């Protein structure tokens, strides 16, 4: 599989394969999804031994 999404040099240092999402303005629906991911998915991933957020919580 090929694609054009390549992590930036900064993102590669974090070990990610995909670039981090931008921090532009979000819609209410996007904000709700972000909150759910932060509140439910990130803790679940940590418990499973995976990283779903950076140390800064991004």
C-alpha atoms as a PDB file:
ATOM      1  CA  UNK A   1       0.000   0.000   0.000  1.00  0.00           C
ATOM      2  CA  UNK A   2       1.319   3.429  -0.857  1.00  0.00           C
ATOM      3  CA  UNK A   3       0.258   6.897   0.141  1.00  0.00           C
ATOM      4  CA  UNK A   4       1.355  10.481   0.227  1.00  0.00           C
ATOM      5  CA  UNK A   5       0.976  11.105   3.967  1.00  0.00           C
ATOM      6  CA  UNK A   6       4.442  11.267   5.410  1.00  0.00           C
ATOM      7  CA  UNK A   7       5.260  12.301   8.968  1.00  0.00           C
ATOM      8  CA  UNK A   8       7.264  15.468   9.428  1.00  0.00           C
ATOM      9  CA  UNK A   9      10.768  15.251  10.862  1.00  0.00           C
ATOM     10  CA  UNK A  10       9.358  16.407  14.200  1.00  0.00           C
ATOM     11  CA  UNK A  11       6.629  13.738  14.132  1.00  0.00           C
ATOM     12  CA  UNK A  12       9.137  10.998  13.247  1.00  0.00           C
ATOM     13  CA  UNK A  13      10.972  11.816  16.479  1.00  0.00           C
ATOM     14  CA  UNK A  14       7.782  10.899  18.322  1.00  0.00           C
ATOM     15  CA  UNK A  15       7.706   7.507  16.658  1.00  0.00           C
ATOM     16  CA  UNK A  16       4.508   8.120  14.709  1.00  0.00           C
ATOM     17  CA  UNK A  17       3.830   6.860  11.197  1.00  0.00           C
ATOM     18  CA  UNK A  18       1.296   9.557  10.355  1.00  0.00           C
ATOM     19  CA  UNK A  19       1.525  13.319  10.769  1.00  0.00           C
ATOM     20  CA  UNK A  20      -0.188  14.748  13.833  1.00  0.00           C
ATOM     21  CA  UNK A  21      -3.559  16.362  13.240  1.00  0.00           C
ATOM     22  CA  UNK A  22      -3.593  20.115  12.894  1.00  0.00           C
ATOM     23  CA  UNK A  23      -4.832  22.270  15.727  1.00  0.00           C
ATOM     24  CA  UNK A  24      -7.080  24.493  13.622  1.00  0.00           C
ATOM     25  CA  UNK A  25     -10.606  25.488  14.581  1.00  0.00           C
ATOM     26  CA  UNK A  26     -12.868  22.489  15.155  1.00  0.00           C
ATOM     27  CA  UNK A  27     -16.603  22.109  14.717  1.00  0.00           C
ATOM     28  CA  UNK A  28     -18.758  21.174  17.701  1.00  0.00           C
ATOM     29  CA  UNK A  29     -18.978  17.611  16.380  1.00  0.00           C
ATOM     30  CA  UNK A  30     -15.184  17.408  16.052  1.00  0.00           C
ATOM     31  CA  UNK A  31     -14.741  18.810  19.570  1.00  0.00           C
ATOM     32  CA  UNK A  32     -17.144  16.181  20.937  1.00  0.00           C
ATOM     33  CA  UNK A  33     -15.171  13.440  19.170  1.00  0.00           C
ATOM     34  CA  UNK A  34     -11.906  14.858  20.502  1.00  0.00           C
ATOM     35  CA  UNK A  35     -13.276  14.872  24.068  1.00  0.00           C
ATOM     36  CA  UNK A  36     -14.512  11.293  23.730  1.00  0.00           C
ATOM     37  CA  UNK A  37     -11.151  10.125  22.415  1.00  0.00           C
ATOM     38  CA  UNK A  38      -9.308  11.925  25.230  1.00  0.00           C
ATOM     39  CA  UNK A  39     -11.681  10.633  27.911  1.00  0.00           C
ATOM     40  CA  UNK A  40     -12.251   7.066  26.676  1.00  0.00           C
ATOM     41  CA  UNK A  41      -9.851   5.940  23.967  1.00  0.00           C
ATOM     42  CA  UNK A  42      -6.573   7.364  25.314  1.00  0.00           C
ATOM     43  CA  UNK A  43      -6.962   5.774  28.781  1.00  0.00           C
ATOM     44  CA  UNK A  44      -8.004   2.459  27.194  1.00  0.00           C
ATOM     45  CA  UNK A  45      -4.954   2.508  24.916  1.00  0.00           C
ATOM     46  CA  UNK A  46      -2.638   3.277  27.855  1.00  0.00           C
ATOM     47  CA  UNK A  47      -4.048   0.315  29.775  1.00  0.00           C
ATOM     48  CA  UNK A  48      -3.429  -1.860  26.701  1.00  0.00           C
ATOM     49  CA  UNK A  49       0.185  -0.660  26.501  1.00  0.00           C
ATOM     50  CA  UNK A  50      -0.238   1.547  23.420  1.00  0.00           C
ATOM     51  CA  UNK A  51       0.257   5.273  22.952  1.00  0.00           C
ATOM     52  CA  UNK A  52      -2.826   7.094  21.683  1.00  0.00           C
ATOM     53  CA  UNK A  53      -1.610  10.591  22.593  1.00  0.00           C
ATOM     54  CA  UNK A  54       1.655  12.451  22.963  1.00  0.00           C
ATOM     55  CA  UNK A  55       3.076  13.261  26.383  1.00  0.00           C
ATOM     56  CA  UNK A  56       1.453  16.690  25.973  1.00  0.00           C
ATOM     57  CA  UNK A  57      -1.932  14.989  25.584  1.00  0.00           C
ATOM     58  CA  UNK A  58      -2.248  15.710  21.875  1.00  0.00           C
END
